[in-house]
Amino acid sequence: MIRTVGLLMLLIAAALAGNTAAKGLEGRVRRLQMLELFCEAAGSELKYLLPTVKELLCSLAQRADFQSLLFLQNAAAAHTPFPESWHNAVETDKTLCADEREILRTIGATLGSTELSAQLSALKLCGERFQRLRETAETEVLRRGRLYRSMGILTGIFLVILLL
């Protein structure tokens, strides 16, 4: 009886491990959606309100939509000049992938250092790049998510058979 319960728990643990791996892929899709929305929102605020870069960051960081963007929270809370605070926030955020960091560096290099039309163009371009990354990540979720879930269940079945 105890052995059967242990084997069942092993099977469930392996299935949950596969499910957790698949959820990690879905988390990236959500983050890329937020980054895409961030570019749109920053562009809109710049266009219609003409805030300083610090005001823009603080305004966006306070929005509920962007609370989980750690780099934005850190950049808004920093007491250093914008380029430095942005660079430090982007580089220290471990949730970001290398390609996301590259796009965010482009935003940091453009905001506050060029004329308004160039800033708006850069934000639009970066938003489009985030959209392409999101679309790629969505296909990855469909392809790999199923694989991870299946591998988790199959690993659990393999372990149960091995221990029988």
N, C-alpha and C. Protein backbone atom coordinates (compact mmCIF):
# COMPACT_ATOMS: atom_id res chain seq x y z
N MET A 1 0.82 -1.20 0.00
CA MET A 1 0.00 0.00 0.00
C MET A 1 0.87 1.27 0.00
N ILE A 2 1.84 1.31 0.89
CA ILE A 2 2.71 2.48 0.98
C ILE A 2 3.54 2.61 -0.30
N ARG A 3 3.96 1.49 -0.82
CA ARG A 3 4.74 1.50 -2.05
C ARG A 3 3.92 2.07 -3.22
N THR A 4 2.65 1.69 -3.30
CA THR A 4 1.77 2.18 -4.35
C THR A 4 1.57 3.69 -4.23
N VAL A 5 1.39 4.16 -3.02
CA VAL A 5 1.23 5.60 -2.79
C VAL A 5 2.52 6.33 -3.18
N GLY A 6 3.66 5.78 -2.83
CA GLY A 6 4.95 6.38 -3.18
C GLY A 6 5.14 6.45 -4.69
N LEU A 7 4.79 5.37 -5.39
CA LEU A 7 4.91 5.36 -6.84
C LEU A 7 3.97 6.37 -7.49
N LEU A 8 2.77 6.48 -6.95
CA LEU A 8 1.80 7.45 -7.46
C LEU A 8 2.31 8.88 -7.24
N MET A 9 2.89 9.12 -6.08
CA MET A 9 3.44 10.45 -5.80
C MET A 9 4.61 10.77 -6.73
N LEU A 10 5.42 9.78 -7.04
CA LEU A 10 6.53 9.95 -7.96
C LEU A 10 6.02 10.31 -9.36
N LEU A 11 4.98 9.62 -9.78
CA LEU A 11 4.36 9.91 -11.08
C LEU A 11 3.81 11.34 -11.12
N ILE A 12 3.13 11.73 -10.06
CA ILE A 12 2.56 13.09 -9.99
C ILE A 12 3.67 14.14 -9.97
N ALA A 13 4.75 13.89 -9.22
CA ALA A 13 5.85 14.84 -9.15
C ALA A 13 6.51 15.04 -10.52
N ALA A 14 6.69 13.98 -11.25
CA ALA A 14 7.30 14.10 -12.58
C ALA A 14 6.37 14.85 -13.53
N ALA A 15 5.08 14.58 -13.45
CA ALA A 15 4.12 15.30 -14.30
C ALA A 15 4.10 16.78 -13.95
N LEU A 16 4.17 17.11 -12.67
CA LEU A 16 4.21 18.52 -12.26
C LEU A 16 5.49 19.20 -12.71
N ALA A 17 6.60 18.48 -12.71
CA ALA A 17 7.86 19.05 -13.18
C ALA A 17 7.76 19.43 -14.66
N GLY A 18 7.16 18.58 -15.46
CA GLY A 18 6.95 18.88 -16.87
C GLY A 18 6.02 20.06 -17.06
N ASN A 19 4.98 20.11 -16.24
CA ASN A 19 4.02 21.22 -16.32
C ASN A 19 4.69 22.54 -15.92
N THR A 20 5.54 22.50 -14.92
CA THR A 20 6.26 23.69 -14.48
C THR A 20 7.18 24.21 -15.57
N ALA A 21 7.86 23.33 -16.25
CA ALA A 21 8.73 23.73 -17.36
C ALA A 21 7.92 24.40 -18.47
N ALA A 22 6.75 23.87 -18.75
CA ALA A 22 5.88 24.46 -19.78
C ALA A 22 5.38 25.83 -19.34
N LYS A 23 5.09 26.00 -18.06
CA LYS A 23 4.62 27.29 -17.55
C LYS A 23 5.70 28.35 -17.67
N GLY A 24 6.96 27.96 -17.55
CA GLY A 24 8.06 28.90 -17.72
C GLY A 24 8.06 29.52 -19.10
N LEU A 25 7.74 28.72 -20.10
CA LEU A 25 7.64 29.24 -21.47
C LEU A 25 6.49 30.23 -21.60
N GLU A 26 5.39 29.94 -20.94
CA GLU A 26 4.23 30.83 -20.99
C GLU A 26 4.52 32.15 -20.29
N GLY A 27 5.37 32.11 -19.26
CA GLY A 27 5.76 33.33 -18.56
C GLY A 27 6.51 34.29 -19.47
N ARG A 28 7.32 33.76 -20.35
CA ARG A 28 8.06 34.61 -21.29
C ARG A 28 7.09 35.31 -22.25
N VAL A 29 6.08 34.59 -22.69
CA VAL A 29 5.09 35.20 -23.60
C VAL A 29 4.40 36.37 -22.90
N ARG A 30 4.01 36.18 -21.64
CA ARG A 30 3.35 37.25 -20.89
C ARG A 30 4.28 38.46 -20.72
N ARG A 31 5.55 38.19 -20.41
CA ARG A 31 6.52 39.28 -20.24
C ARG A 31 6.70 40.06 -21.55
N LEU A 32 6.78 39.35 -22.67
CA LEU A 32 6.93 40.01 -23.96
C LEU A 32 5.69 40.84 -24.31
N GLN A 33 4.51 40.36 -23.93
CA GLN A 33 3.29 41.15 -24.13
C GLN A 33 3.36 42.45 -23.34
N MET A 34 3.83 42.35 -22.10
CA MET A 34 3.95 43.54 -21.26
C MET A 34 4.98 44.51 -21.83
N LEU A 35 6.09 43.99 -22.34
CA LEU A 35 7.11 44.85 -22.93
C LEU A 35 6.58 45.55 -24.19
N GLU A 36 5.78 44.83 -24.95
CA GLU A 36 5.15 45.42 -26.13
C GLU A 36 4.20 46.54 -25.72
N LEU A 37 3.39 46.29 -24.69
CA LEU A 37 2.48 47.31 -24.18
C LEU A 37 3.24 48.49 -23.58
N PHE A 38 4.38 48.18 -22.95
CA PHE A 38 5.22 49.24 -22.38
C PHE A 38 5.66 50.21 -23.48
N CYS A 39 6.08 49.69 -24.60
CA CYS A 39 6.52 50.55 -25.72
C CYS A 39 5.37 51.41 -26.22
N GLU A 40 4.19 50.83 -26.35
CA GLU A 40 3.03 51.59 -26.80
C GLU A 40 2.66 52.68 -25.80
N ALA A 41 2.64 52.32 -24.51
CA ALA A 41 2.26 53.28 -23.48
C ALA A 41 3.29 54.40 -23.37
N ALA A 42 4.57 54.06 -23.45
CA ALA A 42 5.61 55.09 -23.38
C ALA A 42 5.49 56.04 -24.56
N GLY A 43 5.22 55.49 -25.74
CA GLY A 43 5.05 56.33 -26.92
C GLY A 43 3.86 57.26 -26.78
N SER A 44 2.76 56.75 -26.28
CA SER A 44 1.56 57.59 -26.11
C SER A 44 1.80 58.70 -25.10
N GLU A 45 2.41 58.36 -23.98
CA GLU A 45 2.68 59.39 -22.97
C GLU A 45 3.64 60.44 -23.49
N LEU A 46 4.67 60.00 -24.19
CA LEU A 46 5.62 60.96 -24.76
C LEU A 46 4.94 61.89 -25.76
N LYS A 47 4.10 61.33 -26.58
CA LYS A 47 3.46 62.10 -27.66
C LYS A 47 2.48 63.14 -27.11
N TYR A 48 1.68 62.73 -26.11
CA TYR A 48 0.60 63.60 -25.66
C TYR A 48 0.91 64.41 -24.40
N LEU A 49 1.81 63.91 -23.54
CA LEU A 49 2.08 64.61 -22.29
C LEU A 49 3.44 65.31 -22.25
N LEU A 50 4.36 64.88 -23.11
CA LEU A 50 5.71 65.42 -23.16
C LEU A 50 6.39 65.47 -21.78
N PRO A 51 6.42 64.35 -21.06
CA PRO A 51 7.07 64.35 -19.75
C PRO A 51 8.59 64.25 -19.88
N THR A 52 9.27 64.52 -18.76
CA THR A 52 10.70 64.23 -18.73
C THR A 52 10.85 62.72 -18.67
N VAL A 53 12.04 62.24 -18.89
CA VAL A 53 12.25 60.78 -18.88
C VAL A 53 11.95 60.22 -17.50
N LYS A 54 12.37 60.92 -16.45
CA LYS A 54 12.11 60.46 -15.08
C LYS A 54 10.60 60.41 -14.80
N GLU A 55 9.87 61.44 -15.22
CA GLU A 55 8.41 61.45 -15.04
C GLU A 55 7.76 60.31 -15.81
N LEU A 56 8.25 60.06 -17.01
CA LEU A 56 7.72 58.97 -17.83
C LEU A 56 7.92 57.63 -17.14
N LEU A 57 9.13 57.38 -16.65
CA LEU A 57 9.41 56.11 -15.97
C LEU A 57 8.55 55.95 -14.72
N CYS A 58 8.45 57.01 -13.93
CA CYS A 58 7.65 56.93 -12.69
C CYS A 58 6.18 56.69 -13.00
N SER A 59 5.67 57.36 -14.02
CA SER A 59 4.27 57.19 -14.41
C SER A 59 4.00 55.76 -14.87
N LEU A 60 4.88 55.23 -15.71
CA LEU A 60 4.68 53.87 -16.21
C LEU A 60 4.88 52.83 -15.11
N ALA A 61 5.84 53.06 -14.22
CA ALA A 61 6.11 52.11 -13.14
C ALA A 61 4.94 52.00 -12.17
N GLN A 62 4.14 53.06 -12.06
CA GLN A 62 3.00 53.03 -11.14
C GLN A 62 1.79 52.31 -11.71
N ARG A 63 1.78 52.07 -13.00
CA ARG A 63 0.65 51.37 -13.61
C ARG A 63 0.63 49.92 -13.17
N ALA A 64 -0.56 49.42 -12.92
CA ALA A 64 -0.73 48.02 -12.49
C ALA A 64 -0.23 47.04 -13.56
N ASP A 65 -0.37 47.41 -14.82
CA ASP A 65 0.04 46.54 -15.92
C ASP A 65 1.55 46.23 -15.87
N PHE A 66 2.33 47.18 -15.38
CA PHE A 66 3.77 47.07 -15.46
C PHE A 66 4.45 46.81 -14.12
N GLN A 67 3.68 46.43 -13.11
CA GLN A 67 4.25 46.17 -11.79
C GLN A 67 5.26 45.02 -11.80
N SER A 68 5.08 44.08 -12.70
CA SER A 68 5.98 42.91 -12.72
C SER A 68 7.23 43.14 -13.56
N LEU A 69 7.35 44.29 -14.21
CA LEU A 69 8.57 44.61 -14.96
C LEU A 69 9.60 45.18 -13.99
N LEU A 70 10.45 44.32 -13.48
CA LEU A 70 11.39 44.70 -12.43
C LEU A 70 12.35 45.79 -12.88
N PHE A 71 12.81 45.72 -14.12
CA PHE A 71 13.75 46.73 -14.59
C PHE A 71 13.12 48.12 -14.56
N LEU A 72 11.83 48.20 -14.88
CA LEU A 72 11.13 49.48 -14.89
C LEU A 72 10.99 50.02 -13.47
N GLN A 73 10.65 49.14 -12.54
CA GLN A 73 10.52 49.56 -11.14
C GLN A 73 11.86 50.06 -10.61
N ASN A 74 12.93 49.34 -10.93
CA ASN A 74 14.27 49.72 -10.45
C ASN A 74 14.75 51.01 -11.10
N ALA A 75 14.50 51.18 -12.38
CA ALA A 75 14.93 52.41 -13.07
C ALA A 75 14.16 53.62 -12.55
N ALA A 76 12.88 53.44 -12.27
CA ALA A 76 12.07 54.56 -11.77
C ALA A 76 12.47 54.94 -10.35
N ALA A 77 12.88 53.96 -9.55
CA ALA A 77 13.24 54.23 -8.16
C ALA A 77 14.67 54.71 -7.99
N ALA A 78 15.50 54.57 -9.01
CA ALA A 78 16.91 54.93 -8.90
C ALA A 78 17.08 56.44 -8.78
N HIS A 79 18.12 56.84 -8.06
CA HIS A 79 18.41 58.26 -7.87
C HIS A 79 19.65 58.67 -8.66
N THR A 80 19.86 58.03 -9.77
CA THR A 80 20.99 58.35 -10.65
C THR A 80 20.44 58.87 -11.97
N PRO A 81 21.27 59.47 -12.79
CA PRO A 81 20.78 59.95 -14.10
C PRO A 81 20.19 58.82 -14.93
N PHE A 82 19.26 59.18 -15.82
CA PHE A 82 18.52 58.18 -16.57
C PHE A 82 19.37 57.15 -17.28
N PRO A 83 20.33 57.52 -18.10
CA PRO A 83 21.04 56.47 -18.85
C PRO A 83 21.68 55.43 -17.93
N GLU A 84 22.22 55.90 -16.84
CA GLU A 84 22.88 54.98 -15.89
C GLU A 84 21.87 54.11 -15.17
N SER A 85 20.78 54.71 -14.70
CA SER A 85 19.77 53.93 -13.97
C SER A 85 19.10 52.91 -14.89
N TRP A 86 18.84 53.30 -16.14
CA TRP A 86 18.24 52.38 -17.09
C TRP A 86 19.16 51.21 -17.38
N HIS A 87 20.42 51.53 -17.66
CA HIS A 87 21.40 50.48 -17.98
C HIS A 87 21.54 49.51 -16.80
N ASN A 88 21.68 50.03 -15.60
CA ASN A 88 21.82 49.17 -14.42
C ASN A 88 20.58 48.32 -14.20
N ALA A 89 19.41 48.91 -14.37
CA ALA A 89 18.16 48.17 -14.15
C ALA A 89 17.99 47.06 -15.17
N VAL A 90 18.31 47.33 -16.42
CA VAL A 90 18.16 46.32 -17.47
C VAL A 90 19.17 45.20 -17.28
N GLU A 91 20.40 45.55 -16.95
CA GLU A 91 21.45 44.54 -16.81
C GLU A 91 21.28 43.66 -15.57
N THR A 92 20.67 44.18 -14.52
CA THR A 92 20.52 43.40 -13.29
C THR A 92 19.22 42.61 -13.21
N ASP A 93 18.29 42.85 -14.13
CA ASP A 93 17.03 42.10 -14.13
C ASP A 93 17.27 40.72 -14.74
N LYS A 94 17.29 39.70 -13.90
CA LYS A 94 17.60 38.34 -14.34
C LYS A 94 16.44 37.67 -15.06
N THR A 95 15.26 38.27 -15.05
CA THR A 95 14.13 37.67 -15.76
C THR A 95 14.19 37.93 -17.26
N LEU A 96 15.00 38.90 -17.67
CA LEU A 96 15.09 39.27 -19.09
C LEU A 96 16.06 38.36 -19.83
N CYS A 97 15.70 38.03 -21.06
CA CYS A 97 16.59 37.27 -21.95
C CYS A 97 17.52 38.25 -22.66
N ALA A 98 18.54 37.71 -23.30
CA ALA A 98 19.54 38.55 -23.98
C ALA A 98 18.91 39.41 -25.07
N ASP A 99 17.99 38.85 -25.86
CA ASP A 99 17.38 39.63 -26.94
C ASP A 99 16.47 40.72 -26.39
N GLU A 100 15.83 40.47 -25.25
CA GLU A 100 15.00 41.50 -24.61
C GLU A 100 15.88 42.63 -24.09
N ARG A 101 17.01 42.27 -23.49
CA ARG A 101 17.95 43.29 -23.00
C ARG A 101 18.45 44.17 -24.14
N GLU A 102 18.74 43.56 -25.27
CA GLU A 102 19.25 44.31 -26.42
C GLU A 102 18.24 45.36 -26.87
N ILE A 103 16.97 44.98 -26.94
CA ILE A 103 15.93 45.92 -27.35
C ILE A 103 15.78 47.03 -26.32
N LEU A 104 15.82 46.65 -25.03
CA LEU A 104 15.67 47.66 -23.98
C LEU A 104 16.87 48.62 -23.95
N ARG A 105 18.05 48.13 -24.30
CA ARG A 105 19.21 49.02 -24.40
C ARG A 105 18.98 50.08 -25.48
N THR A 106 18.34 49.67 -26.58
CA THR A 106 18.02 50.62 -27.65
C THR A 106 17.09 51.70 -27.14
N ILE A 107 16.10 51.30 -26.36
CA ILE A 107 15.17 52.28 -25.78
C ILE A 107 15.94 53.22 -24.86
N GLY A 108 16.81 52.68 -24.02
CA GLY A 108 17.58 53.50 -23.10
C GLY A 108 18.50 54.48 -23.80
N ALA A 109 19.04 54.08 -24.95
CA ALA A 109 19.93 54.96 -25.69
C ALA A 109 19.16 56.07 -26.41
N THR A 110 17.88 55.86 -26.63
CA THR A 110 17.09 56.82 -27.41
C THR A 110 16.31 57.79 -26.53
N LEU A 111 15.70 57.30 -25.46
CA LEU A 111 14.86 58.16 -24.62
C LEU A 111 15.66 59.31 -24.03
N GLY A 112 15.15 60.50 -24.21
CA GLY A 112 15.76 61.68 -23.62
C GLY A 112 16.99 62.20 -24.34
N SER A 113 17.48 61.49 -25.34
CA SER A 113 18.71 61.94 -26.00
C SER A 113 18.52 62.34 -27.45
N THR A 114 17.31 62.14 -27.96
CA THR A 114 17.01 62.52 -29.35
C THR A 114 15.73 63.34 -29.37
N GLU A 115 15.38 63.85 -30.52
CA GLU A 115 14.14 64.62 -30.62
C GLU A 115 12.94 63.69 -30.50
N LEU A 116 11.80 64.28 -30.26
CA LEU A 116 10.58 63.52 -29.99
C LEU A 116 10.25 62.52 -31.08
N SER A 117 10.31 62.92 -32.34
CA SER A 117 9.93 62.02 -33.43
C SER A 117 10.85 60.79 -33.47
N ALA A 118 12.13 60.98 -33.19
CA ALA A 118 13.06 59.85 -33.17
C ALA A 118 12.75 58.92 -32.00
N GLN A 119 12.39 59.48 -30.87
CA GLN A 119 12.04 58.66 -29.71
C GLN A 119 10.78 57.85 -29.99
N LEU A 120 9.79 58.49 -30.60
CA LEU A 120 8.55 57.78 -30.93
C LEU A 120 8.80 56.68 -31.95
N SER A 121 9.64 56.97 -32.93
CA SER A 121 9.97 55.95 -33.94
C SER A 121 10.70 54.78 -33.31
N ALA A 122 11.63 55.07 -32.42
CA ALA A 122 12.39 54.01 -31.76
C ALA A 122 11.47 53.15 -30.89
N LEU A 123 10.55 53.77 -30.17
CA LEU A 123 9.62 53.01 -29.35
C LEU A 123 8.71 52.13 -30.21
N LYS A 124 8.27 52.67 -31.34
CA LYS A 124 7.42 51.88 -32.23
C LYS A 124 8.20 50.69 -32.79
N LEU A 125 9.43 50.93 -33.22
CA LEU A 125 10.27 49.86 -33.75
C LEU A 125 10.56 48.79 -32.68
N CYS A 126 10.86 49.24 -31.48
CA CYS A 126 11.11 48.28 -30.40
C CYS A 126 9.85 47.49 -30.06
N GLY A 127 8.70 48.14 -30.09
CA GLY A 127 7.44 47.44 -29.86
C GLY A 127 7.21 46.36 -30.91
N GLU A 128 7.54 46.68 -32.16
CA GLU A 128 7.41 45.68 -33.23
C GLU A 128 8.39 44.53 -33.04
N ARG A 129 9.58 44.83 -32.56
CA ARG A 129 10.56 43.76 -32.29
C ARG A 129 10.07 42.86 -31.15
N PHE A 130 9.49 43.47 -30.12
CA PHE A 130 8.92 42.67 -29.02
C PHE A 130 7.76 41.82 -29.53
N GLN A 131 6.97 42.35 -30.45
CA GLN A 131 5.86 41.59 -31.03
C GLN A 131 6.37 40.37 -31.78
N ARG A 132 7.42 40.54 -32.57
CA ARG A 132 7.99 39.39 -33.29
C ARG A 132 8.54 38.35 -32.32
N LEU A 133 9.20 38.82 -31.26
CA LEU A 133 9.71 37.88 -30.26
C LEU A 133 8.55 37.14 -29.59
N ARG A 134 7.46 37.87 -29.31
CA ARG A 134 6.30 37.25 -28.67
C ARG A 134 5.69 36.19 -29.58
N GLU A 135 5.56 36.49 -30.85
CA GLU A 135 5.00 35.51 -31.79
C GLU A 135 5.87 34.26 -31.86
N THR A 136 7.18 34.45 -31.87
CA THR A 136 8.09 33.30 -31.86
C THR A 136 7.94 32.51 -30.56
N ALA A 137 7.83 33.22 -29.44
CA ALA A 137 7.67 32.56 -28.15
C ALA A 137 6.35 31.79 -28.06
N GLU A 138 5.30 32.33 -28.68
CA GLU A 138 4.01 31.63 -28.67
C GLU A 138 4.09 30.31 -29.43
N THR A 139 4.76 30.31 -30.57
CA THR A 139 4.91 29.05 -31.30
C THR A 139 5.78 28.08 -30.51
N GLU A 140 6.75 28.62 -29.79
CA GLU A 140 7.61 27.79 -28.94
C GLU A 140 6.79 27.15 -27.81
N VAL A 141 5.87 27.90 -27.25
CA VAL A 141 5.01 27.37 -26.19
C VAL A 141 4.18 26.22 -26.73
N LEU A 142 3.62 26.39 -27.91
CA LEU A 142 2.80 25.33 -28.49
C LEU A 142 3.62 24.08 -28.76
N ARG A 143 4.81 24.29 -29.28
CA ARG A 143 5.65 23.15 -29.66
C ARG A 143 6.31 22.51 -28.43
N ARG A 144 6.99 23.31 -27.67
CA ARG A 144 7.74 22.76 -26.53
C ARG A 144 6.89 22.51 -25.30
N GLY A 145 5.83 23.29 -25.11
CA GLY A 145 4.98 23.11 -23.93
C GLY A 145 4.39 21.71 -23.88
N ARG A 146 3.87 21.28 -25.01
CA ARG A 146 3.32 19.93 -25.10
C ARG A 146 4.42 18.89 -24.85
N LEU A 147 5.59 19.14 -25.41
CA LEU A 147 6.72 18.23 -25.24
C LEU A 147 7.10 18.11 -23.77
N TYR A 148 7.22 19.24 -23.07
CA TYR A 148 7.61 19.21 -21.66
C TYR A 148 6.58 18.48 -20.81
N ARG A 149 5.31 18.72 -21.07
CA ARG A 149 4.27 18.02 -20.30
C ARG A 149 4.32 16.51 -20.56
N SER A 150 4.47 16.15 -21.82
CA SER A 150 4.55 14.72 -22.16
C SER A 150 5.78 14.07 -21.56
N MET A 151 6.90 14.76 -21.63
CA MET A 151 8.13 14.20 -21.06
C MET A 151 8.03 14.03 -19.56
N GLY A 152 7.35 14.95 -18.89
CA GLY A 152 7.15 14.81 -17.45
C GLY A 152 6.35 13.57 -17.11
N ILE A 153 5.26 13.37 -17.82
CA ILE A 153 4.42 12.19 -17.58
C ILE A 153 5.17 10.91 -17.94
N LEU A 154 5.84 10.91 -19.08
CA LEU A 154 6.58 9.72 -19.50
C LEU A 154 7.74 9.40 -18.55
N THR A 155 8.40 10.41 -18.03
CA THR A 155 9.46 10.19 -17.06
C THR A 155 8.89 9.56 -15.80
N GLY A 156 7.73 10.06 -15.36
CA GLY A 156 7.08 9.48 -14.19
C GLY A 156 6.70 8.02 -14.42
N ILE A 157 6.16 7.72 -15.58
CA ILE A 157 5.80 6.34 -15.90
C ILE A 157 7.04 5.47 -15.94
N PHE A 158 8.12 5.98 -16.54
CA PHE A 158 9.37 5.24 -16.60
C PHE A 158 9.89 4.92 -15.20
N LEU A 159 9.87 5.90 -14.31
CA LEU A 159 10.34 5.68 -12.94
C LEU A 159 9.47 4.69 -12.19
N VAL A 160 8.17 4.76 -12.40
CA VAL A 160 7.27 3.81 -11.75
C VAL A 160 7.56 2.39 -12.24
N ILE A 161 7.73 2.21 -13.53
CA ILE A 161 8.04 0.89 -14.09
C ILE A 161 9.40 0.41 -13.57
N LEU A 162 10.36 1.31 -13.50
CA LEU A 162 11.70 0.96 -13.04
C LEU A 162 11.68 0.50 -11.58
N LEU A 163 10.85 1.12 -10.78
CA LEU A 163 10.81 0.78 -9.36
C LEU A 163 9.86 -0.37 -9.03
N LEU A 164 9.08 -0.81 -9.98
CA LEU A 164 8.19 -1.96 -9.73
C LEU A 164 8.98 -3.20 -9.66
